[in-house]
PDB file of N, CA and C in Angstrom:
ATOM      1  N   MET A   1      19.729  -2.993  51.766  1.00  0.00           N
ATOM      2  CA  MET A   1      18.916  -4.585  52.014  1.00  0.00           C
ATOM      3  C   MET A   1      20.169  -5.479  51.958  1.00  0.00           C
ATOM      4  N   THR A   2      20.039  -5.891  53.022  1.00  0.00           N
ATOM      5  CA  THR A   2      20.705  -6.795  53.502  1.00  0.00           C
ATOM      6  C   THR A   2      21.059  -8.491  53.321  1.00  0.00           C
ATOM      7  N   ILE A   3      21.510  -9.197  52.568  1.00  0.00           N
ATOM      8  CA  ILE A   3      21.426 -10.191  52.060  1.00  0.00           C
ATOM      9  C   ILE A   3      20.992 -11.181  52.714  1.00  0.00           C
ATOM     10  N   LYS A   4      20.338 -11.016  53.895  1.00  0.00           N
ATOM     11  CA  LYS A   4      19.287 -12.123  54.913  1.00  0.00           C
ATOM     12  C   LYS A   4      18.014 -11.745  54.071  1.00  0.00           C
ATOM     13  N   ARG A   5      17.598 -10.373  53.726  1.00  0.00           N
ATOM     14  CA  ARG A   5      16.073  -9.788  53.110  1.00  0.00           C
ATOM     15  C   ARG A   5      16.440 -10.513  51.814  1.00  0.00           C
ATOM     16  N   ILE A   6      17.275 -10.485  51.456  1.00  0.00           N
ATOM     17  CA  ILE A   6      17.266 -10.517  49.900  1.00  0.00           C
ATOM     18  C   ILE A   6      17.012 -12.510  50.201  1.00  0.00           C
ATOM     19  N   GLU A   7      17.317 -12.946  50.571  1.00  0.00           N
ATOM     20  CA  GLU A   7      17.495 -14.484  50.390  1.00  0.00           C
ATOM     21  C   GLU A   7      16.296 -14.674  50.949  1.00  0.00           C
ATOM     22  N   SER A   8      15.457 -13.896  51.634  1.00  0.00           N
ATOM     23  CA  SER A   8      13.890 -14.231  52.034  1.00  0.00           C
ATOM     24  C   SER A   8      12.749 -13.837  51.069  1.00  0.00           C
ATOM     25  N   ILE A   9      13.441 -12.591  50.186  1.00  0.00           N
ATOM     26  CA  ILE A   9      12.403 -12.318  49.157  1.00  0.00           C
ATOM     27  C   ILE A   9      12.697 -13.360  47.874  1.00  0.00           C
ATOM     28  N   LEU A  10      13.704 -13.923  47.940  1.00  0.00           N
ATOM     29  CA  LEU A  10      13.804 -14.904  46.698  1.00  0.00           C
ATOM     30  C   LEU A  10      13.571 -16.233  46.843  1.00  0.00           C
ATOM     31  N   TYR A  11      13.783 -16.824  48.025  1.00  0.00           N
ATOM     32  CA  TYR A  11      13.454 -18.347  48.689  1.00  0.00           C
ATOM     33  C   TYR A  11      11.883 -18.673  49.683  1.00  0.00           C
ATOM     34  N   ARG A  12      11.289 -17.353  49.312  1.00  0.00           N
ATOM     35  CA  ARG A  12      10.056 -17.562  50.055  1.00  0.00           C
ATOM     36  C   ARG A  12       8.915 -18.204  49.576  1.00  0.00           C
ATOM     37  N   ALA A  13       9.024 -18.278  48.152  1.00  0.00           N
ATOM     38  CA  ALA A  13       7.891 -19.083  47.654  1.00  0.00           C
ATOM     39  C   ALA A  13       8.437 -20.795  47.285  1.00  0.00           C
ATOM     40  N   ALA A  14       9.721 -20.917  47.474  1.00  0.00           N
ATOM     41  CA  ALA A  14       9.854 -22.116  47.675  1.00  0.00           C
ATOM     42  C   ALA A  14      10.121 -23.106  49.146  1.00  0.00           C
ATOM     43  N   ASN A  15      10.611 -21.739  49.712  1.00  0.00           N
ATOM     44  CA  ASN A  15      10.505 -22.714  51.418  1.00  0.00           C
ATOM     45  C   ASN A  15       8.837 -22.548  51.949  1.00  0.00           C
ATOM     46  N   GLN A  16       8.139 -22.195  50.980  1.00  0.00           N
ATOM     47  CA  GLN A  16       6.718 -22.332  52.093  1.00  0.00           C
ATOM     48  C   GLN A  16       5.464 -23.270  50.896  1.00  0.00           C
ATOM     49  N   PRO A  17       5.516 -24.722  51.685  1.00  0.00           N
ATOM     50  CA  PRO A  17       4.626 -25.649  50.840  1.00  0.00           C
ATOM     51  C   PRO A  17       3.139 -25.638  50.574  1.00  0.00           C
ATOM     52  N   GLU A  18       3.133 -25.768  50.121  1.00  0.00           N
ATOM     53  CA  GLU A  18       1.089 -25.219  49.378  1.00  0.00           C
ATOM     54  C   GLU A  18       0.273 -26.064  50.243  1.00  0.00           C
ATOM     55  N   PRO A  19      -0.656 -25.627  51.002  1.00  0.00           N
ATOM     56  CA  PRO A  19      -1.520 -25.827  51.807  1.00  0.00           C
ATOM     57  C   PRO A  19      -2.010 -27.406  51.444  1.00  0.00           C
ATOM     58  N   ALA A  20      -1.943 -28.226  52.167  1.00  0.00           N
ATOM     59  CA  ALA A  20      -2.097 -29.619  52.139  1.00  0.00           C
ATOM     60  C   ALA A  20      -3.646 -29.379  51.690  1.00  0.00           C
ATOM     61  N   GLU A  21      -4.579 -28.800  52.013  1.00  0.00           N
ATOM     62  CA  GLU A  21      -5.715 -29.036  51.350  1.00  0.00           C
ATOM     63  C   GLU A  21      -6.289 -29.322  49.761  1.00  0.00           C
ATOM     64  N   HIS A  22      -5.002 -28.399  49.120  1.00  0.00           N
ATOM     65  CA  HIS A  22      -4.779 -27.944  47.980  1.00  0.00           C
ATOM     66  C   HIS A  22      -4.227 -28.977  47.236  1.00  0.00           C
ATOM     67  N   ARG A  23      -3.737 -30.181  47.655  1.00  0.00           N
ATOM     68  CA  ARG A  23      -2.935 -31.033  46.990  1.00  0.00           C
ATOM     69  C   ARG A  23      -3.382 -32.621  47.168  1.00  0.00           C
ATOM     70  N   SER A  24      -3.721 -33.012  46.253  1.00  0.00           N
ATOM     71  CA  SER A  24      -4.232 -34.431  46.481  1.00  0.00           C
ATOM     72  C   SER A  24      -3.457 -35.206  47.377  1.00  0.00           C
ATOM     73  N   LEU A  25      -3.563 -36.573  47.485  1.00  0.00           N
ATOM     74  CA  LEU A  25      -3.486 -37.026  48.664  1.00  0.00           C
ATOM     75  C   LEU A  25      -1.572 -37.584  48.356  1.00  0.00           C
ATOM     76  N   ALA A  26      -1.764 -37.968  46.827  1.00  0.00           N
ATOM     77  CA  ALA A  26      -0.173 -38.655  46.076  1.00  0.00           C
ATOM     78  C   ALA A  26       0.496 -37.375  46.042  1.00  0.00           C
ATOM     79  N   GLU A  27       0.095 -36.162  46.195  1.00  0.00           N
ATOM     80  CA  GLU A  27       0.893 -35.203  46.515  1.00  0.00           C
ATOM     81  C   GLU A  27       1.811 -34.630  47.768  1.00  0.00           C
ATOM     82  N   GLN A  28       0.517 -34.904  48.806  1.00  0.00           N
ATOM     83  CA  GLN A  28       0.616 -35.117  49.976  1.00  0.00           C
ATOM     84  C   GLN A  28       1.601 -35.680  50.656  1.00  0.00           C
ATOM     85  N   PHE A  29       1.879 -36.628  50.044  1.00  0.00           N
ATOM     86  CA  PHE A  29       3.413 -37.507  50.255  1.00  0.00           C
ATOM     87  C   PHE A  29       4.341 -37.241  49.754  1.00  0.00           C
ATOM     88  N   ALA A  30       5.498 -36.138  50.088  1.00  0.00           N
ATOM     89  CA  ALA A  30       6.468 -36.001  49.336  1.00  0.00           C
ATOM     90  C   ALA A  30       7.253 -37.276  48.601  1.00  0.00           C
ATOM     91  N   ILE A  31       6.784 -38.334  47.902  1.00  0.00           N
ATOM     92  CA  ILE A  31       7.575 -39.052  47.804  1.00  0.00           C
ATOM     93  C   ILE A  31       8.003 -39.142  46.277  1.00  0.00           C
ATOM     94  N   PRO A  32       8.948 -38.673  45.662  1.00  0.00           N
ATOM     95  CA  PRO A  32       9.371 -38.442  44.363  1.00  0.00           C
ATOM     96  C   PRO A  32       9.124 -39.572  43.473  1.00  0.00           C
ATOM     97  N   HIS A  33       8.493 -39.387  42.300  1.00  0.00           N
ATOM     98  CA  HIS A  33       7.630 -39.998  41.744  1.00  0.00           C
ATOM     99  C   HIS A  33       8.195 -40.121  40.361  1.00  0.00           C
ATOM    100  N   VAL A  34       8.037 -40.679  39.149  1.00  0.00           N
ATOM    101  CA  VAL A  34       8.299 -40.632  37.957  1.00  0.00           C
ATOM    102  C   VAL A  34       6.749 -40.931  37.293  1.00  0.00           C
ATOM    103  N   TYR A  35       6.024 -41.801  37.575  1.00  0.00           N
ATOM    104  CA  TYR A  35       4.886 -42.040  36.763  1.00  0.00           C
ATOM    105  C   TYR A  35       3.498 -41.393  37.640  1.00  0.00           C
ATOM    106  N   ARG A  36       2.703 -41.004  36.943  1.00  0.00           N
ATOM    107  CA  ARG A  36       1.297 -39.865  37.427  1.00  0.00           C
ATOM    108  C   ARG A  36       0.653 -41.063  38.184  1.00  0.00           C
ATOM    109  N   PRO A  37       0.387 -40.482  39.357  1.00  0.00           N
ATOM    110  CA  PRO A  37      -0.442 -41.593  40.235  1.00  0.00           C
ATOM    111  C   PRO A  37      -2.135 -41.689  39.583  1.00  0.00           C
ATOM    112  N   ASP A  38      -2.114 -41.162  38.397  1.00  0.00           N
ATOM    113  CA  ASP A  38      -3.426 -41.574  37.737  1.00  0.00           C
ATOM    114  C   ASP A  38      -3.224 -42.763  36.178  1.00  0.00           C
ATOM    115  N   LEU A  39      -2.239 -43.462  36.181  1.00  0.00           N
ATOM    116  CA  LEU A  39      -2.005 -43.931  34.979  1.00  0.00           C
ATOM    117  C   LEU A  39      -2.980 -45.120  35.335  1.00  0.00           C
ATOM    118  N   SER A  40      -3.309 -45.416  33.830  1.00  0.00           N
ATOM    119  CA  SER A  40      -3.599 -46.493  33.560  1.00  0.00           C
ATOM    120  C   SER A  40      -3.190 -48.124  34.084  1.00  0.00           C
ATOM    121  N   VAL A  41      -3.469 -49.198  34.184  1.00  0.00           N
ATOM    122  CA  VAL A  41      -2.800 -50.697  34.396  1.00  0.00           C
ATOM    123  C   VAL A  41      -2.043 -50.772  33.183  1.00  0.00           C
ATOM    124  N   ARG A  42      -2.631 -50.742  32.066  1.00  0.00           N
ATOM    125  CA  ARG A  42      -1.631 -50.796  31.055  1.00  0.00           C
ATOM    126  C   ARG A  42      -0.613 -49.662  30.511  1.00  0.00           C
ATOM    127  N   GLN A  43      -0.895 -48.614  30.886  1.00  0.00           N
ATOM    128  CA  GLN A  43       0.443 -47.608  30.993  1.00  0.00           C
ATOM    129  C   GLN A  43       1.231 -47.990  32.131  1.00  0.00           C
ATOM    130  N   ALA A  44       0.998 -48.249  33.186  1.00  0.00           N
ATOM    131  CA  ALA A  44       2.096 -48.574  34.365  1.00  0.00           C
ATOM    132  C   ALA A  44       2.666 -49.769  34.261  1.00  0.00           C
ATOM    133  N   LEU A  45       1.916 -50.957  33.856  1.00  0.00           N
ATOM    134  CA  LEU A  45       2.776 -52.105  33.436  1.00  0.00           C
ATOM    135  C   LEU A  45       3.366 -51.796  32.215  1.00  0.00           C
ATOM    136  N   LEU A  46       3.545 -51.416  31.272  1.00  0.00           N
ATOM    137  CA  LEU A  46       4.261 -50.589  29.787  1.00  0.00           C
ATOM    138  C   LEU A  46       5.497 -49.889  30.386  1.00  0.00           C
ATOM    139  N   PHE A  47       5.142 -48.738  31.499  1.00  0.00           N
ATOM    140  CA  PHE A  47       6.476 -48.216  31.847  1.00  0.00           C
ATOM    141  C   PHE A  47       7.256 -48.784  32.270  1.00  0.00           C
ATOM    142  N   SER A  48       6.519 -50.002  33.674  1.00  0.00           N
ATOM    143  CA  SER A  48       7.544 -50.823  34.293  1.00  0.00           C
ATOM    144  C   SER A  48       8.210 -51.871  33.598  1.00  0.00           C
ATOM    145  N   VAL A  49       7.820 -52.506  33.022  1.00  0.00           N
ATOM    146  CA  VAL A  49       8.797 -53.182  31.787  1.00  0.00           C
ATOM    147  C   VAL A  49       9.604 -52.373  30.962  1.00  0.00           C
ATOM    148  N   ALA A  50       9.600 -51.303  30.936  1.00  0.00           N
ATOM    149  CA  ALA A  50      10.678 -50.183  30.123  1.00  0.00           C
ATOM    150  C   ALA A  50      11.664 -50.170  31.238  1.00  0.00           C
ATOM    151  N   ALA A  51      11.260 -50.055  32.266  1.00  0.00           N
ATOM    152  CA  ALA A  51      12.543 -49.658  33.319  1.00  0.00           C
ATOM    153  C   ALA A  51      13.144 -50.540  33.225  1.00  0.00           C
ATOM    154  N   VAL A  52      12.813 -52.226  33.772  1.00  0.00           N
ATOM    155  CA  VAL A  52      13.034 -53.241  33.757  1.00  0.00           C
ATOM    156  C   VAL A  52      13.827 -53.550  32.420  1.00  0.00           C
ATOM    157  N   THR A  53      13.518 -53.360  31.769  1.00  0.00           N
ATOM    158  CA  THR A  53      14.060 -53.856  30.586  1.00  0.00           C
ATOM    159  C   THR A  53      15.328 -52.389  29.816  1.00  0.00           C
ATOM    160  N   ARG A  54      15.679 -50.968  30.694  1.00  0.00           N
ATOM    161  CA  ARG A  54      16.624 -50.549  30.530  1.00  0.00           C
ATOM    162  C   ARG A  54      17.777 -51.587  31.673  1.00  0.00           C
ATOM    163  N   ILE A  55      16.734 -51.945  32.614  1.00  0.00           N
ATOM    164  CA  ILE A  55      18.461 -52.391  33.619  1.00  0.00           C
ATOM    165  C   ILE A  55      18.857 -53.627  33.608  1.00  0.00           C
ATOM    166  N   PHE A  56      18.103 -54.500  32.368  1.00  0.00           N
ATOM    167  CA  PHE A  56      18.525 -55.606  31.826  1.00  0.00           C
ATOM    168  C   PHE A  56      19.554 -55.457  30.776  1.00  0.00           C
ATOM    169  N   LEU A  57      18.972 -54.760  30.215  1.00  0.00           N
ATOM    170  CA  LEU A  57      19.830 -54.213  29.172  1.00  0.00           C
ATOM    171  C   LEU A  57      21.216 -53.484  28.864  1.00  0.00           C
ATOM    172  N   GLY A  58      20.883 -52.829  30.105  1.00  0.00           N
ATOM    173  CA  GLY A  58      21.971 -52.096  30.073  1.00  0.00           C
ATOM    174  C   GLY A  58      23.103 -52.706  31.071  1.00  0.00           C
ATOM    175  N   SER A  59      22.846 -53.498  32.179  1.00  0.00           N
ATOM    176  CA  SER A  59      23.618 -54.239  33.216  1.00  0.00           C
ATOM    177  C   SER A  59      24.586 -55.551  31.700  1.00  0.00           C
ATOM    178  N   LEU A  60      23.436 -56.027  30.855  1.00  0.00           N
ATOM    179  CA  LEU A  60      24.208 -56.618  29.696  1.00  0.00           C
ATOM    180  C   LEU A  60      25.111 -56.166  28.913  1.00  0.00           C
ATOM    181  N   LEU A  61      24.838 -54.823  28.734  1.00  0.00           N
ATOM    182  CA  LEU A  61      26.034 -54.397  27.782  1.00  0.00           C
ATOM    183  C   LEU A  61      27.083 -54.152  28.290  1.00  0.00           C
ATOM    184  N   PHE A  62      27.095 -53.863  29.839  1.00  0.00           N
ATOM    185  CA  PHE A  62      28.348 -53.426  30.751  1.00  0.00           C
ATOM    186  C   PHE A  62      28.540 -54.519  31.110  1.00  0.00           C
ATOM    187  N   ALA A  63      28.267 -55.535  31.078  1.00  0.00           N
ATOM    188  CA  ALA A  63      29.181 -56.711  31.265  1.00  0.00           C
ATOM    189  C   ALA A  63      29.283 -57.257  30.128  1.00  0.00           C
ATOM    190  N   LEU A  64      29.555 -57.227  28.616  1.00  0.00           N
ATOM    191  CA  LEU A  64      29.601 -57.975  27.392  1.00  0.00           C
ATOM    192  C   LEU A  64      30.998 -56.958  27.108  1.00  0.00           C
ATOM    193  N   TRP A  65      30.630 -55.490  27.387  1.00  0.00           N
ATOM    194  CA  TRP A  65      31.834 -54.017  26.978  1.00  0.00           C
ATOM    195  C   TRP A  65      32.832 -54.535  27.911  1.00  0.00           C
ATOM    196  N   GLY A  66      32.618 -54.860  29.057  1.00  0.00           N
ATOM    197  CA  GLY A  66      33.397 -54.816  30.097  1.00  0.00           C
ATOM    198  C   GLY A  66      34.502 -56.146  29.574  1.00  0.00           C
ATOM    199  N   THR A  67      33.789 -57.078  29.501  1.00  0.00           N
ATOM    200  CA  THR A  67      34.524 -58.298  29.238  1.00  0.00           C
ATOM    201  C   THR A  67      35.542 -58.071  27.854  1.00  0.00           C
ATOM    202  N   GLY A  68      34.888 -57.220  26.583  1.00  0.00           N
ATOM    203  CA  GLY A  68      36.165 -57.236  25.706  1.00  0.00           C
ATOM    204  C   GLY A  68      36.838 -56.022  26.008  1.00  0.00           C
ATOM    205  N   ALA A  69      36.331 -55.139  27.171  1.00  0.00           N
ATOM    206  CA  ALA A  69      37.923 -54.468  27.213  1.00  0.00           C
ATOM    207  C   ALA A  69      38.601 -55.109  27.904  1.00  0.00           C
ATOM    208  N   ALA A  70      38.383 -56.037  28.659  1.00  0.00           N
ATOM    209  CA  ALA A  70      39.597 -56.636  29.832  1.00  0.00           C
ATOM    210  C   ALA A  70      39.903 -57.396  28.728  1.00  0.00           C
ATOM    211  N   LEU A  71      39.736 -58.448  27.620  1.00  0.00           N
ATOM    212  CA  LEU A  71      40.618 -58.997  26.432  1.00  0.00           C
ATOM    213  C   LEU A  71      41.280 -58.442  25.648  1.00  0.00           C
ATOM    214  N   ALA A  72      40.630 -57.177  25.187  1.00  0.00           N
ATOM    215  CA  ALA A  72      41.789 -56.450  24.710  1.00  0.00           C
ATOM    216  C   ALA A  72      42.743 -55.600  25.600  1.00  0.00           C
ATOM    217  N   TRP A  73      42.914 -55.767  26.761  1.00  0.00           N
ATOM    218  CA  TRP A  73      43.759 -54.909  27.489  1.00  0.00           C
ATOM    219  C   TRP A  73      44.705 -55.713  27.349  1.00  0.00           C
ATOM    220  N   GLY A  74      44.551 -57.349  27.875  1.00  0.00           N
ATOM    221  CA  GLY A  74      45.356 -58.070  27.418  1.00  0.00           C
ATOM    222  C   GLY A  74      45.935 -58.711  26.595  1.00  0.00           C
ATOM    223  N   ALA A  75      45.333 -58.445  25.380  1.00  0.00           N
ATOM    224  CA  ALA A  75      45.655 -58.618  24.135  1.00  0.00           C
ATOM    225  C   ALA A  75      46.671 -58.024  23.411  1.00  0.00           C
ATOM    226  N   LEU A  76      46.861 -56.708  23.977  1.00  0.00           N
ATOM    227  CA  LEU A  76      48.005 -55.825  23.899  1.00  0.00           C
ATOM    228  C   LEU A  76      49.110 -55.645  24.498  1.00  0.00           C
ATOM    229  N   PRO A  77      50.016 -55.764  24.000  1.00  0.00           N
ATOM    230  CA  PRO A  77      51.628 -55.545  24.577  1.00  0.00           C
ATOM    231  C   PRO A  77      52.003 -54.242  25.348  1.00  0.00           C
ATOM    232  N   ASN A  78      51.583 -53.190  24.468  1.00  0.00           N
ATOM    233  CA  ASN A  78      52.426 -51.530  24.286  1.00  0.00           C
ATOM    234  C   ASN A  78      51.137 -50.929  25.390  1.00  0.00           C
ATOM    235  N   LEU A  79      51.734 -50.361  25.921  1.00  0.00           N
ATOM    236  CA  LEU A  79      50.863 -49.829  27.694  1.00  0.00           C
ATOM    237  C   LEU A  79      50.066 -48.731  26.908  1.00  0.00           C
ATOM    238  N   PHE A  80      50.674 -47.888  26.062  1.00  0.00           N
ATOM    239  CA  PHE A  80      49.808 -46.865  25.204  1.00  0.00           C
ATOM    240  C   PHE A  80      49.221 -47.238  23.986  1.00  0.00           C
ATOM    241  N   LEU A  81      49.129 -47.808  23.485  1.00  0.00           N
ATOM    242  CA  LEU A  81      47.807 -49.036  22.945  1.00  0.00           C
ATOM    243  C   LEU A  81      46.780 -49.342  23.802  1.00  0.00           C
ATOM    244  N   ARG A  82      47.027 -49.903  25.194  1.00  0.00           N
ATOM    245  CA  ARG A  82      45.746 -50.516  25.932  1.00  0.00           C
ATOM    246  C   ARG A  82      45.255 -49.101  26.225  1.00  0.00           C
ATOM    247  N   ILE A  83      46.105 -48.179  26.447  1.00  0.00           N
ATOM    248  CA  ILE A  83      45.299 -47.121  27.123  1.00  0.00           C
ATOM    249  C   ILE A  83      43.994 -46.721  26.239  1.00  0.00           C
ATOM    250  N   LEU A  84      44.868 -46.521  25.087  1.00  0.00           N
ATOM    251  CA  LEU A  84      44.502 -45.780  23.786  1.00  0.00           C
ATOM    252  C   LEU A  84      42.845 -46.349  23.281  1.00  0.00           C
ATOM    253  N   VAL A  85      43.189 -47.614  23.387  1.00  0.00           N
ATOM    254  CA  VAL A  85      42.279 -48.629  23.120  1.00  0.00           C
ATOM    255  C   VAL A  85      40.754 -48.241  23.985  1.00  0.00           C
ATOM    256  N   LEU A  86      41.562 -48.515  25.501  1.00  0.00           N
ATOM    257  CA  LEU A  86      40.304 -48.583  26.466  1.00  0.00           C
ATOM    258  C   LEU A  86      39.836 -47.398  26.916  1.00  0.00           C
ATOM    259  N   VAL A  87      40.333 -46.005  26.286  1.00  0.00           N
ATOM    260  CA  VAL A  87      40.042 -44.327  25.943  1.00  0.00           C
ATOM    261  C   VAL A  87      38.465 -44.929  25.167  1.00  0.00           C
ATOM    262  N   LEU A  88      39.205 -45.489  24.063  1.00  0.00           N
ATOM    263  CA  LEU A  88      38.260 -45.687  22.273  1.00  0.00           C
ATOM    264  C   LEU A  88      37.214 -46.185  23.296  1.00  0.00           C
ATOM    265  N   MET A  89      37.181 -47.753  23.813  1.00  0.00           N
ATOM    266  CA  MET A  89      36.121 -48.608  23.924  1.00  0.00           C
ATOM    267  C   MET A  89      35.283 -47.810  24.905  1.00  0.00           C
ATOM    268  N   VAL A  90      35.757 -47.153  25.855  1.00  0.00           N
ATOM    269  CA  VAL A  90      35.066 -46.041  27.265  1.00  0.00           C
ATOM    270  C   VAL A  90      34.000 -45.264  26.540  1.00  0.00           C
ATOM    271  N   ALA A  91      34.614 -44.661  25.557  1.00  0.00           N
ATOM    272  CA  ALA A  91      33.884 -43.420  24.725  1.00  0.00           C
ATOM    273  C   ALA A  91      32.513 -44.220  23.834  1.00  0.00           C
ATOM    274  N   LEU A  92      33.136 -45.481  23.480  1.00  0.00           N
ATOM    275  CA  LEU A  92      32.250 -46.317  22.185  1.00  0.00           C
ATOM    276  C   LEU A  92      31.052 -46.643  23.116  1.00  0.00           C
ATOM    277  N   PHE A  93      31.723 -47.369  24.665  1.00  0.00           N
ATOM    278  CA  PHE A  93      30.286 -47.411  25.214  1.00  0.00           C
ATOM    279  C   PHE A  93      29.331 -46.789  25.868  1.00  0.00           C
ATOM    280  N   LEU A  94      29.786 -45.164  26.200  1.00  0.00           N
ATOM    281  CA  LEU A  94      28.671 -44.220  26.140  1.00  0.00           C
ATOM    282  C   LEU A  94      27.691 -43.969  25.086  1.00  0.00           C
ATOM    283  N   VAL A  95      28.317 -44.153  23.783  1.00  0.00           N
ATOM    284  CA  VAL A  95      27.450 -43.741  22.981  1.00  0.00           C
ATOM    285  C   VAL A  95      26.563 -44.778  22.563  1.00  0.00           C
ATOM    286  N   ALA A  96      27.047 -46.566  23.220  1.00  0.00           N
ATOM    287  CA  ALA A  96      26.160 -47.369  22.583  1.00  0.00           C
ATOM    288  C   ALA A  96      24.791 -47.692  23.587  1.00  0.00           C
ATOM    289  N   LEU A  97      25.418 -47.176  24.719  1.00  0.00           N
ATOM    290  CA  LEU A  97      24.537 -47.061  26.069  1.00  0.00           C
ATOM    291  C   LEU A  97      23.496 -45.919  25.650  1.00  0.00           C
ATOM    292  N   ALA A  98      23.689 -44.855  25.025  1.00  0.00           N
ATOM    293  CA  ALA A  98      22.882 -43.767  25.127  1.00  0.00           C
ATOM    294  C   ALA A  98      21.916 -44.715  23.752  1.00  0.00           C
ATOM    295  N   ALA A  99      22.633 -44.697  23.035  1.00  0.00           N
ATOM    296  CA  ALA A  99      21.341 -45.796  21.681  1.00  0.00           C
ATOM    297  C   ALA A  99      20.681 -46.701  22.222  1.00  0.00           C
ATOM    298  N   LEU A 100      20.883 -47.466  23.683  1.00  0.00           N
ATOM    299  CA  LEU A 100      20.172 -48.283  23.846  1.00  0.00           C
ATOM    300  C   LEU A 100      19.091 -47.630  24.174  1.00  0.00           C
ATOM    301  N   MET A 101      19.548 -46.472  25.363  1.00  0.00           N
ATOM    302  CA  MET A 101      18.766 -45.768  26.046  1.00  0.00           C
ATOM    303  C   MET A 101      17.448 -45.204  25.526  1.00  0.00           C
ATOM    304  N   LEU A 102      18.171 -44.446  24.699  1.00  0.00           N
ATOM    305  CA  LEU A 102      16.783 -44.056  23.344  1.00  0.00           C
ATOM    306  C   LEU A 102      16.201 -44.818  22.550  1.00  0.00           C
ATOM    307  N   GLY A 103      17.052 -45.589  22.261  1.00  0.00           N
ATOM    308  CA  GLY A 103      15.740 -46.601  21.586  1.00  0.00           C
ATOM    309  C   GLY A 103      14.962 -47.488  22.097  1.00  0.00           C
ATOM    310  N   ILE A 104      15.418 -47.527  23.721  1.00  0.00           N
ATOM    311  CA  ILE A 104      13.875 -47.712  24.638  1.00  0.00           C
ATOM    312  C   ILE A 104      12.878 -46.752  24.383  1.00  0.00           C
ATOM    313  N   SER A 105      13.187 -45.587  24.881  1.00  0.00           N
ATOM    314  CA  SER A 105      12.412 -44.859  25.201  1.00  0.00           C
ATOM    315  C   SER A 105      11.575 -44.274  24.136  1.00  0.00           C
ATOM    316  N   ALA A 106      12.370 -44.639  22.535  1.00  0.00           N
ATOM    317  CA  ALA A 106      11.445 -44.976  21.235  1.00  0.00           C
ATOM    318  C   ALA A 106      10.476 -45.366  20.827  1.00  0.00           C
ATOM    319  N   ALA A 107      10.513 -46.871  21.638  1.00  0.00           N
ATOM    320  CA  ALA A 107      10.024 -47.631  21.383  1.00  0.00           C
ATOM    321  C   ALA A 107       9.181 -47.830  22.465  1.00  0.00           C
ATOM    322  N   ILE A 108       8.839 -46.819  23.692  1.00  0.00           N
ATOM    323  CA  ILE A 108       7.678 -47.241  24.328  1.00  0.00           C
ATOM    324  C   ILE A 108       6.962 -45.835  24.097  1.00  0.00           C
ATOM    325  N   GLN A 109       7.703 -44.595  23.172  1.00  0.00           N
ATOM    326  CA  GLN A 109       6.875 -43.991  22.720  1.00  0.00           C
ATOM    327  C   GLN A 109       5.574 -44.082  21.631  1.00  0.00           C
ATOM    328  N   LYS A 110       6.261 -45.266  20.957  1.00  0.00           N
ATOM    329  CA  LYS A 110       5.648 -45.667  20.112  1.00  0.00           C
ATOM    330  C   LYS A 110       4.183 -46.835  20.318  1.00  0.00           C
ATOM    331  N   MET A 111       4.520 -47.436  21.458  1.00  0.00           N
ATOM    332  CA  MET A 111       3.535 -47.803  22.126  1.00  0.00           C
ATOM    333  C   MET A 111       2.482 -47.705  23.392  1.00  0.00           C
ATOM    334  N   SER A 112       2.998 -46.619  24.194  1.00  0.00           N
ATOM    335  CA  SER A 112       2.250 -45.736  25.016  1.00  0.00           C
ATOM    336  C   SER A 112       1.121 -45.484  23.963  1.00  0.00           C
ATOM    337  N   PRO A 113      -0.107 -45.506  24.673  1.00  0.00           N
ATOM    338  CA  PRO A 113      -1.489 -45.046  24.193  1.00  0.00           C
ATOM    339  C   PRO A 113      -1.696 -43.389  24.196  1.00  0.00           C
ATOM    340  N   GLY A 114      -1.272 -43.123  25.455  1.00  0.00           N
ATOM    341  CA  GLY A 114      -1.139 -41.553  25.711  1.00  0.00           C
ATOM    342  C   GLY A 114       0.015 -40.713  25.857  1.00  0.00           C
ATOM    343  N   PRO A 115      -0.304 -39.405  26.398  1.00  0.00           N
ATOM    344  CA  PRO A 115       1.326 -38.957  26.278  1.00  0.00           C
ATOM    345  C   PRO A 115       2.088 -39.516  27.038  1.00  0.00           C
ATOM    346  N   ARG A 116       3.241 -39.066  26.939  1.00  0.00           N
ATOM    347  CA  ARG A 116       3.941 -39.544  28.197  1.00  0.00           C
ATOM    348  C   ARG A 116       4.319 -38.924  29.499  1.00  0.00           C
ATOM    349  N   PRO A 117       3.975 -39.001  30.419  1.00  0.00           N
ATOM    350  CA  PRO A 117       3.996 -38.581  32.020  1.00  0.00           C
ATOM    351  C   PRO A 117       5.592 -38.264  32.301  1.00  0.00           C
ATOM    352  N   VAL A 118       5.015 -37.099  32.851  1.00  0.00           N
ATOM    353  CA  VAL A 118       6.483 -36.133  33.066  1.00  0.00           C
ATOM    354  C   VAL A 118       6.470 -36.579  34.585  1.00  0.00           C
ATOM    355  N   ALA A 119       7.638 -35.995  35.164  1.00  0.00           N
ATOM    356  CA  ALA A 119       8.537 -36.338  36.650  1.00  0.00           C
ATOM    357  C   ALA A 119       7.509 -35.190  36.969  1.00  0.00           C
ATOM    358  N   SER A 120       6.998 -35.891  38.013  1.00  0.00           N
ATOM    359  CA  SER A 120       6.534 -34.737  39.212  1.00  0.00           C
ATOM    360  C   SER A 120       7.596 -34.390  39.796  1.00  0.00           C
ATOM    361  N   LYS A 121       7.539 -32.860  40.624  1.00  0.00           N
ATOM    362  CA  LYS A 121       8.291 -32.133  41.367  1.00  0.00           C
ATOM    363  C   LYS A 121       7.889 -32.181  42.402  1.00  0.00           C
ATOM    364  N   PRO A 122       8.861 -32.930  43.546  1.00  0.00           N
ATOM    365  CA  PRO A 122       8.565 -33.064  44.947  1.00  0.00           C
ATOM    366  C   PRO A 122       8.407 -32.231  45.778  1.00  0.00           C
TER     367      PRO A 122
END
């Protein structure tokens, strides 16, 4: 058995797309999307507001945290302390950003009337 034969066996299903007549119109166009095409207007609005909220609050957190890091960098005279504080601030920023995203997701889960849509496979 050659490597080419093994590859053809392993990747046969992945390389052959499903016939178009078995897919919906939204699935025929290979546009990656997170939202199901059959969302209600309320669900689409809710998930769109969540996405904008994540972008806005994440950007605001990044701006404020970056300003704080720059002020901390300028206030410390010792290079070792500067680097130590900067590493700690980056780690805390990542924790704060993850907590913000999880909080927004939890709020959306509580407000969502139905099950959360799953990202479709392109």
